[in-house]
């Protein structure tokens, strides 16, 4: 496997992840939460970096591709923790604590709440949520970028 093929594979992996997320949303009817949207941006950036790196395989581009893939993996881990109740997520994305709210404040929070909550798992495969799968696959893609970075220039 040469450097160009590794870049293509990493680019295609991020493109597939992004297209898969869009398919779940638009074909499967599974609306994304705020954190799901956050995970999409680094994949889009990795695709753009990959396209540029195919023409100009500069070291900085390969490192940037790895960072983009790792960023979406990190967001996926954070999202997984929110889904599993390991830590709190953004207040605009989870149910939060309502014990100290007045009825007016509660109604205001309900009316301002997003339609999709980040602390619920809408889909699982083999016990892993989409956020968990995104994290695992994204870190593998980051590894591809790093492997391409470590290859000799002529490979």
N, C-alpha and C. Protein backbone atom coordinates (compact mmCIF):
# COMPACT_ATOMS: atom_id res chain seq x y z
N UNK A 1 0.86 -1.17 0.00
CA UNK A 1 0.00 0.00 0.00
C UNK A 1 0.91 1.23 0.00
N UNK A 2 0.64 2.15 -0.91
CA UNK A 2 1.45 3.35 -0.98
C UNK A 2 0.76 4.53 -0.30
N UNK A 3 1.47 5.64 -0.18
CA UNK A 3 0.96 6.83 0.51
C UNK A 3 -0.33 7.33 -0.12
N UNK A 4 -0.38 7.39 -1.43
CA UNK A 4 -1.57 7.87 -2.14
C UNK A 4 -2.79 7.00 -1.82
N UNK A 5 -2.60 5.69 -1.82
CA UNK A 5 -3.71 4.78 -1.52
C UNK A 5 -4.19 4.94 -0.07
N UNK A 6 -3.27 5.18 0.85
CA UNK A 6 -3.66 5.41 2.24
C UNK A 6 -4.47 6.69 2.39
N UNK A 7 -4.04 7.73 1.69
CA UNK A 7 -4.80 8.98 1.70
C UNK A 7 -6.19 8.76 1.13
N UNK A 8 -6.26 8.04 0.00
CA UNK A 8 -7.56 7.73 -0.61
C UNK A 8 -8.46 6.94 0.34
N UNK A 9 -7.88 5.98 1.03
CA UNK A 9 -8.64 5.15 1.96
C UNK A 9 -9.16 5.99 3.13
N UNK A 10 -8.32 6.85 3.68
CA UNK A 10 -8.74 7.72 4.78
C UNK A 10 -9.81 8.70 4.32
N UNK A 11 -9.62 9.29 3.15
CA UNK A 11 -10.60 10.20 2.57
C UNK A 11 -11.92 9.48 2.35
N UNK A 12 -11.87 8.30 1.75
CA UNK A 12 -13.08 7.52 1.48
C UNK A 12 -13.78 7.10 2.77
N UNK A 13 -12.99 6.79 3.79
CA UNK A 13 -13.59 6.42 5.07
C UNK A 13 -14.38 7.55 5.69
N UNK A 14 -13.80 8.76 5.68
CA UNK A 14 -14.53 9.91 6.22
C UNK A 14 -15.74 10.25 5.36
N UNK A 15 -15.59 10.14 4.04
CA UNK A 15 -16.73 10.38 3.15
C UNK A 15 -17.84 9.37 3.41
N UNK A 16 -17.48 8.11 3.61
CA UNK A 16 -18.48 7.08 3.89
C UNK A 16 -19.18 7.33 5.22
N UNK A 17 -18.43 7.76 6.23
CA UNK A 17 -19.03 8.07 7.52
C UNK A 17 -20.03 9.22 7.40
N UNK A 18 -19.63 10.24 6.66
CA UNK A 18 -20.50 11.40 6.46
C UNK A 18 -21.74 11.02 5.65
N UNK A 19 -21.55 10.27 4.58
CA UNK A 19 -22.70 9.83 3.77
C UNK A 19 -23.61 8.88 4.56
N UNK A 20 -23.01 8.03 5.38
CA UNK A 20 -23.82 7.14 6.22
C UNK A 20 -24.68 7.92 7.20
N UNK A 21 -24.10 8.94 7.81
CA UNK A 21 -24.87 9.77 8.74
C UNK A 21 -26.01 10.47 8.02
N UNK A 22 -25.72 10.98 6.84
CA UNK A 22 -26.78 11.65 6.06
C UNK A 22 -27.86 10.67 5.62
N UNK A 23 -27.47 9.44 5.31
CA UNK A 23 -28.45 8.41 4.93
C UNK A 23 -29.34 8.06 6.12
N UNK A 24 -28.75 7.90 7.31
CA UNK A 24 -29.56 7.64 8.49
C UNK A 24 -30.56 8.77 8.71
N UNK A 25 -30.13 10.00 8.44
CA UNK A 25 -31.01 11.15 8.65
C UNK A 25 -32.09 11.25 7.58
N UNK A 26 -31.69 11.26 6.32
CA UNK A 26 -32.63 11.57 5.25
C UNK A 26 -33.38 10.36 4.70
N UNK A 27 -32.79 9.19 4.77
CA UNK A 27 -33.47 7.98 4.28
C UNK A 27 -34.11 7.23 5.44
N UNK A 28 -33.35 7.11 6.54
CA UNK A 28 -33.84 6.37 7.70
C UNK A 28 -34.72 7.17 8.63
N UNK A 29 -34.77 8.50 8.44
CA UNK A 29 -35.62 9.33 9.29
C UNK A 29 -35.11 9.51 10.71
N UNK A 30 -33.82 9.30 10.94
CA UNK A 30 -33.23 9.41 12.27
C UNK A 30 -32.57 10.79 12.39
N UNK A 31 -33.30 11.73 12.99
CA UNK A 31 -32.81 13.10 13.10
C UNK A 31 -31.59 13.15 14.02
N UNK A 32 -30.58 13.94 13.64
CA UNK A 32 -29.36 14.04 14.46
C UNK A 32 -29.55 15.02 15.62
N UNK A 33 -28.84 14.76 16.69
CA UNK A 33 -28.79 15.72 17.79
C UNK A 33 -27.64 16.70 17.52
N UNK A 34 -27.48 17.66 18.41
CA UNK A 34 -26.43 18.66 18.25
C UNK A 34 -25.04 18.02 18.20
N UNK A 35 -24.78 17.04 19.05
CA UNK A 35 -23.47 16.41 19.09
C UNK A 35 -23.22 15.54 17.86
N UNK A 36 -24.29 14.98 17.30
CA UNK A 36 -24.15 14.22 16.05
C UNK A 36 -23.68 15.15 14.93
N UNK A 37 -24.23 16.35 14.89
CA UNK A 37 -23.82 17.33 13.89
C UNK A 37 -22.36 17.71 14.11
N UNK A 38 -21.96 17.89 15.38
CA UNK A 38 -20.56 18.22 15.69
C UNK A 38 -19.62 17.17 15.11
N UNK A 39 -20.03 15.90 15.15
CA UNK A 39 -19.15 14.82 14.68
C UNK A 39 -19.02 14.82 13.16
N UNK A 40 -19.94 15.43 12.47
CA UNK A 40 -19.89 15.45 11.01
C UNK A 40 -18.85 16.43 10.47
N UNK A 41 -18.70 17.56 11.10
CA UNK A 41 -17.80 18.60 10.60
C UNK A 41 -16.37 18.11 10.39
N UNK A 42 -15.74 17.44 11.37
CA UNK A 42 -14.38 16.99 11.13
C UNK A 42 -14.26 15.98 9.98
N UNK A 43 -15.30 15.18 9.77
CA UNK A 43 -15.26 14.26 8.61
C UNK A 43 -15.24 15.06 7.31
N UNK A 44 -16.06 16.09 7.22
CA UNK A 44 -16.06 16.94 6.04
C UNK A 44 -14.71 17.61 5.83
N UNK A 45 -14.10 18.05 6.92
CA UNK A 45 -12.78 18.66 6.85
C UNK A 45 -11.75 17.63 6.39
N UNK A 46 -11.83 16.40 6.91
CA UNK A 46 -10.90 15.35 6.51
C UNK A 46 -11.03 15.02 5.02
N UNK A 47 -12.25 15.04 4.52
CA UNK A 47 -12.45 14.79 3.08
C UNK A 47 -11.78 15.90 2.27
N UNK A 48 -11.99 17.14 2.66
CA UNK A 48 -11.38 18.27 1.93
C UNK A 48 -9.85 18.19 2.00
N UNK A 49 -9.32 17.89 3.18
CA UNK A 49 -7.87 17.76 3.33
C UNK A 49 -7.35 16.62 2.46
N UNK A 50 -8.09 15.52 2.42
CA UNK A 50 -7.68 14.38 1.60
C UNK A 50 -7.61 14.72 0.13
N UNK A 51 -8.60 15.48 -0.35
CA UNK A 51 -8.59 15.87 -1.75
C UNK A 51 -7.39 16.75 -2.07
N UNK A 52 -7.07 17.67 -1.17
CA UNK A 52 -5.90 18.52 -1.38
C UNK A 52 -4.62 17.70 -1.28
N UNK A 53 -4.56 16.79 -0.30
CA UNK A 53 -3.35 15.98 -0.07
C UNK A 53 -3.07 15.03 -1.23
N UNK A 54 -4.09 14.66 -1.99
CA UNK A 54 -3.84 13.83 -3.17
C UNK A 54 -3.03 14.59 -4.21
N UNK A 55 -3.26 15.89 -4.28
CA UNK A 55 -2.52 16.72 -5.25
C UNK A 55 -1.18 17.16 -4.68
N UNK A 56 -1.18 17.48 -3.39
CA UNK A 56 0.03 17.99 -2.73
C UNK A 56 0.19 17.24 -1.41
N UNK A 57 0.86 16.08 -1.40
CA UNK A 57 0.96 15.27 -0.17
C UNK A 57 1.93 15.86 0.85
N UNK A 58 1.67 17.08 1.29
CA UNK A 58 2.52 17.74 2.27
C UNK A 58 2.32 17.11 3.65
N UNK A 59 3.38 17.09 4.41
CA UNK A 59 3.35 16.52 5.76
C UNK A 59 2.27 17.17 6.62
N UNK A 60 2.17 18.49 6.53
CA UNK A 60 1.19 19.21 7.35
C UNK A 60 -0.24 18.80 7.00
N UNK A 61 -0.50 18.50 5.75
CA UNK A 61 -1.84 18.06 5.35
C UNK A 61 -2.16 16.68 5.93
N UNK A 62 -1.19 15.79 5.90
CA UNK A 62 -1.41 14.46 6.45
C UNK A 62 -1.65 14.53 7.96
N UNK A 63 -0.91 15.40 8.62
CA UNK A 63 -1.11 15.59 10.05
C UNK A 63 -2.48 16.21 10.32
N UNK A 64 -2.88 17.17 9.50
CA UNK A 64 -4.20 17.80 9.65
C UNK A 64 -5.32 16.78 9.43
N UNK A 65 -5.15 15.89 8.47
CA UNK A 65 -6.15 14.84 8.25
C UNK A 65 -6.27 13.94 9.47
N UNK A 66 -5.14 13.57 10.05
CA UNK A 66 -5.15 12.75 11.27
C UNK A 66 -5.83 13.47 12.41
N UNK A 67 -5.56 14.76 12.55
CA UNK A 67 -6.18 15.54 13.62
C UNK A 67 -7.69 15.67 13.41
N UNK A 68 -8.12 15.85 12.18
CA UNK A 68 -9.56 15.93 11.90
C UNK A 68 -10.26 14.62 12.25
N UNK A 69 -9.67 13.51 11.85
CA UNK A 69 -10.25 12.20 12.16
C UNK A 69 -10.25 11.95 13.66
N UNK A 70 -9.17 12.32 14.33
CA UNK A 70 -9.10 12.14 15.79
C UNK A 70 -10.09 13.05 16.50
N UNK A 71 -10.32 14.25 15.96
CA UNK A 71 -11.27 15.18 16.57
C UNK A 71 -12.68 14.60 16.57
N UNK A 72 -13.11 14.05 15.44
CA UNK A 72 -14.45 13.47 15.42
C UNK A 72 -14.51 12.23 16.30
N UNK A 73 -13.40 11.49 16.41
CA UNK A 73 -13.36 10.36 17.33
C UNK A 73 -13.50 10.81 18.78
N UNK A 74 -12.82 11.91 19.12
CA UNK A 74 -12.94 12.46 20.47
C UNK A 74 -14.34 12.94 20.79
N UNK A 75 -14.96 13.59 19.83
CA UNK A 75 -16.35 14.02 20.03
C UNK A 75 -17.25 12.80 20.18
N UNK A 76 -16.96 11.74 19.43
CA UNK A 76 -17.73 10.50 19.54
C UNK A 76 -17.62 9.88 20.92
N UNK A 77 -16.42 9.91 21.50
CA UNK A 77 -16.24 9.39 22.87
C UNK A 77 -17.02 10.25 23.86
N UNK A 78 -16.92 11.57 23.72
CA UNK A 78 -17.67 12.47 24.60
C UNK A 78 -19.17 12.19 24.48
N UNK A 79 -19.65 12.06 23.25
CA UNK A 79 -21.07 11.80 23.01
C UNK A 79 -21.49 10.45 23.61
N UNK A 80 -20.64 9.45 23.46
CA UNK A 80 -20.93 8.14 24.05
C UNK A 80 -21.08 8.25 25.56
N UNK A 81 -20.19 9.00 26.20
CA UNK A 81 -20.28 9.20 27.64
C UNK A 81 -21.55 9.89 28.06
N UNK A 82 -22.00 10.84 27.25
CA UNK A 82 -23.27 11.52 27.53
C UNK A 82 -24.43 10.53 27.38
N UNK A 83 -24.40 9.74 26.31
CA UNK A 83 -25.46 8.76 26.09
C UNK A 83 -25.54 7.74 27.22
N UNK A 84 -24.41 7.32 27.73
CA UNK A 84 -24.35 6.30 28.77
C UNK A 84 -24.49 6.86 30.18
N UNK A 85 -24.57 8.18 30.30
CA UNK A 85 -24.73 8.80 31.61
C UNK A 85 -23.44 8.85 32.41
N UNK A 86 -22.29 8.74 31.76
CA UNK A 86 -21.01 8.79 32.46
C UNK A 86 -20.68 10.22 32.86
N UNK A 87 -21.13 11.19 32.08
CA UNK A 87 -20.95 12.61 32.38
C UNK A 87 -22.06 13.39 31.71
N UNK A 88 -22.21 14.64 32.12
CA UNK A 88 -23.25 15.50 31.55
C UNK A 88 -22.82 16.03 30.20
N UNK A 89 -23.80 16.23 29.36
CA UNK A 89 -23.55 16.84 28.06
C UNK A 89 -23.94 18.30 28.11
N UNK A 90 -23.94 18.95 26.97
CA UNK A 90 -24.35 20.36 26.92
C UNK A 90 -25.79 20.52 27.40
N UNK A 91 -26.06 21.59 28.12
CA UNK A 91 -27.41 21.82 28.65
C UNK A 91 -28.45 21.94 27.56
N UNK A 92 -28.07 22.39 26.39
CA UNK A 92 -29.01 22.54 25.29
C UNK A 92 -29.28 21.22 24.58
N UNK A 93 -28.66 20.14 25.06
CA UNK A 93 -28.72 18.88 24.33
C UNK A 93 -29.20 17.72 25.19
N UNK A 94 -29.32 17.91 26.49
CA UNK A 94 -29.72 16.84 27.40
C UNK A 94 -30.86 17.32 28.29
N UNK A 95 -31.40 16.42 29.06
CA UNK A 95 -32.53 16.78 29.90
C UNK A 95 -32.12 17.68 31.05
N UNK A 96 -30.96 17.48 31.64
CA UNK A 96 -30.48 18.32 32.73
C UNK A 96 -31.29 18.12 34.01
N UNK A 97 -30.89 18.86 35.04
CA UNK A 97 -31.57 18.79 36.34
C UNK A 97 -32.67 19.83 36.38
N UNK A 98 -33.88 19.41 36.67
CA UNK A 98 -35.01 20.34 36.69
C UNK A 98 -35.58 20.53 38.10
N UNK A 99 -34.93 19.97 39.10
CA UNK A 99 -35.49 20.01 40.46
C UNK A 99 -35.60 21.41 41.03
N UNK A 100 -34.76 22.34 40.64
CA UNK A 100 -34.78 23.70 41.20
C UNK A 100 -35.48 24.71 40.30
N UNK A 101 -36.16 24.24 39.27
CA UNK A 101 -36.82 25.15 38.34
C UNK A 101 -38.26 25.42 38.74
N UNK A 102 -38.68 26.67 38.54
CA UNK A 102 -40.10 27.00 38.73
C UNK A 102 -40.87 26.46 37.53
N UNK A 103 -42.17 26.47 37.63
CA UNK A 103 -42.98 25.96 36.51
C UNK A 103 -42.79 26.83 35.27
N UNK A 104 -42.59 28.15 35.45
CA UNK A 104 -42.36 29.03 34.31
C UNK A 104 -41.00 28.72 33.67
N UNK A 105 -39.97 28.51 34.50
CA UNK A 105 -38.65 28.18 33.99
C UNK A 105 -38.65 26.83 33.28
N UNK A 106 -39.39 25.88 33.84
CA UNK A 106 -39.49 24.56 33.23
C UNK A 106 -40.16 24.66 31.86
N UNK A 107 -41.26 25.41 31.79
CA UNK A 107 -41.95 25.59 30.51
C UNK A 107 -41.03 26.27 29.50
N UNK A 108 -40.28 27.27 29.94
CA UNK A 108 -39.34 27.95 29.06
C UNK A 108 -38.27 26.99 28.54
N UNK A 109 -37.78 26.12 29.42
CA UNK A 109 -36.77 25.14 29.02
C UNK A 109 -37.36 24.14 28.03
N UNK A 110 -38.57 23.70 28.26
CA UNK A 110 -39.23 22.76 27.36
C UNK A 110 -39.42 23.39 25.98
N UNK A 111 -39.86 24.63 25.95
CA UNK A 111 -40.12 25.30 24.68
C UNK A 111 -38.82 25.58 23.91
N UNK A 112 -37.72 25.75 24.61
CA UNK A 112 -36.44 26.04 23.96
C UNK A 112 -35.63 24.78 23.68
N UNK A 113 -36.10 23.63 24.16
CA UNK A 113 -35.33 22.39 24.03
C UNK A 113 -35.28 21.91 22.57
N UNK A 114 -34.16 21.31 22.18
CA UNK A 114 -34.08 20.74 20.82
C UNK A 114 -35.00 19.53 20.71
N UNK A 115 -35.32 19.18 19.49
CA UNK A 115 -36.20 18.04 19.26
C UNK A 115 -35.53 16.71 19.56
N UNK A 116 -34.21 16.65 19.39
CA UNK A 116 -33.48 15.41 19.58
C UNK A 116 -32.48 15.60 20.73
N UNK A 117 -32.53 14.70 21.69
CA UNK A 117 -31.64 14.80 22.84
C UNK A 117 -30.36 14.01 22.60
N UNK A 118 -29.26 14.54 23.12
CA UNK A 118 -27.95 13.90 22.96
C UNK A 118 -27.73 12.76 23.95
N UNK A 119 -28.54 12.70 25.00
CA UNK A 119 -28.32 11.69 26.04
C UNK A 119 -29.19 10.45 25.84
N UNK A 120 -29.75 10.29 24.66
CA UNK A 120 -30.51 9.09 24.33
C UNK A 120 -29.84 8.38 23.15
N UNK A 121 -29.84 7.06 23.21
CA UNK A 121 -29.25 6.26 22.14
C UNK A 121 -30.36 5.86 21.18
N UNK A 122 -30.41 6.47 19.99
CA UNK A 122 -31.49 6.16 19.06
C UNK A 122 -31.26 4.90 18.24
N UNK A 123 -30.01 4.42 18.17
CA UNK A 123 -29.67 3.27 17.32
C UNK A 123 -28.41 2.62 17.87
N UNK A 124 -28.40 1.29 17.88
CA UNK A 124 -27.25 0.52 18.34
C UNK A 124 -26.99 -0.65 17.42
N UNK A 125 -25.74 -1.05 17.36
CA UNK A 125 -25.34 -2.27 16.66
C UNK A 125 -24.26 -2.93 17.51
N UNK A 126 -24.49 -4.16 17.90
CA UNK A 126 -23.56 -4.91 18.74
C UNK A 126 -23.26 -4.18 20.05
N UNK A 127 -24.27 -3.50 20.58
CA UNK A 127 -24.14 -2.80 21.85
C UNK A 127 -23.46 -1.45 21.78
N UNK A 128 -23.11 -1.00 20.57
CA UNK A 128 -22.47 0.30 20.41
C UNK A 128 -23.40 1.25 19.68
N UNK A 129 -23.47 2.48 20.17
CA UNK A 129 -24.28 3.51 19.52
C UNK A 129 -23.55 4.05 18.29
N UNK A 130 -24.25 4.88 17.53
CA UNK A 130 -23.61 5.48 16.36
C UNK A 130 -22.43 6.34 16.79
N UNK A 131 -22.53 7.03 17.91
CA UNK A 131 -21.40 7.83 18.40
C UNK A 131 -20.20 6.94 18.71
N UNK A 132 -20.45 5.78 19.31
CA UNK A 132 -19.36 4.85 19.62
C UNK A 132 -18.72 4.30 18.36
N UNK A 133 -19.54 3.94 17.38
CA UNK A 133 -19.00 3.45 16.11
C UNK A 133 -18.20 4.55 15.42
N UNK A 134 -18.72 5.78 15.47
CA UNK A 134 -17.99 6.88 14.88
C UNK A 134 -16.61 7.03 15.52
N UNK A 135 -16.56 6.93 16.84
CA UNK A 135 -15.27 7.06 17.55
C UNK A 135 -14.30 5.97 17.10
N UNK A 136 -14.75 4.74 17.11
CA UNK A 136 -13.86 3.63 16.76
C UNK A 136 -13.36 3.74 15.32
N UNK A 137 -14.25 4.00 14.40
CA UNK A 137 -13.87 4.08 12.99
C UNK A 137 -13.00 5.32 12.75
N UNK A 138 -13.32 6.41 13.41
CA UNK A 138 -12.56 7.64 13.21
C UNK A 138 -11.13 7.50 13.71
N UNK A 139 -10.93 6.83 14.83
CA UNK A 139 -9.56 6.62 15.31
C UNK A 139 -8.79 5.69 14.37
N UNK A 140 -9.48 4.73 13.76
CA UNK A 140 -8.83 3.89 12.74
C UNK A 140 -8.43 4.74 11.53
N UNK A 141 -9.30 5.67 11.14
CA UNK A 141 -8.98 6.56 10.02
C UNK A 141 -7.80 7.47 10.38
N UNK A 142 -7.76 7.94 11.62
CA UNK A 142 -6.62 8.75 12.07
C UNK A 142 -5.33 7.92 11.94
N UNK A 143 -5.43 6.63 12.25
CA UNK A 143 -4.28 5.74 12.11
C UNK A 143 -3.83 5.64 10.66
N UNK A 144 -4.77 5.60 9.73
CA UNK A 144 -4.40 5.57 8.31
C UNK A 144 -3.65 6.84 7.91
N UNK A 145 -4.15 7.98 8.37
CA UNK A 145 -3.46 9.24 8.08
C UNK A 145 -2.04 9.22 8.64
N UNK A 146 -1.90 8.73 9.87
CA UNK A 146 -0.57 8.69 10.49
C UNK A 146 0.35 7.68 9.80
N UNK A 147 -0.22 6.58 9.35
CA UNK A 147 0.57 5.60 8.61
C UNK A 147 1.07 6.22 7.30
N UNK A 148 0.19 6.98 6.62
CA UNK A 148 0.60 7.66 5.39
C UNK A 148 1.69 8.69 5.70
N UNK A 149 1.55 9.36 6.81
CA UNK A 149 2.55 10.34 7.22
C UNK A 149 3.91 9.69 7.48
N UNK A 150 3.90 8.49 8.03
CA UNK A 150 5.14 7.81 8.38
C UNK A 150 5.82 7.14 7.18
N UNK A 151 5.08 6.99 6.09
CA UNK A 151 5.66 6.34 4.91
C UNK A 151 6.68 7.26 4.24
N UNK A 152 7.70 6.65 3.60
CA UNK A 152 8.67 7.47 2.85
C UNK A 152 7.99 8.28 1.77
N UNK A 153 8.56 9.38 1.44
CA UNK A 153 7.98 10.32 0.49
C UNK A 153 7.65 9.66 -0.86
N UNK A 154 8.47 8.76 -1.35
CA UNK A 154 8.27 8.16 -2.67
C UNK A 154 7.33 6.94 -2.63
N UNK A 155 6.90 6.51 -1.47
CA UNK A 155 6.05 5.32 -1.38
C UNK A 155 4.65 5.61 -1.81
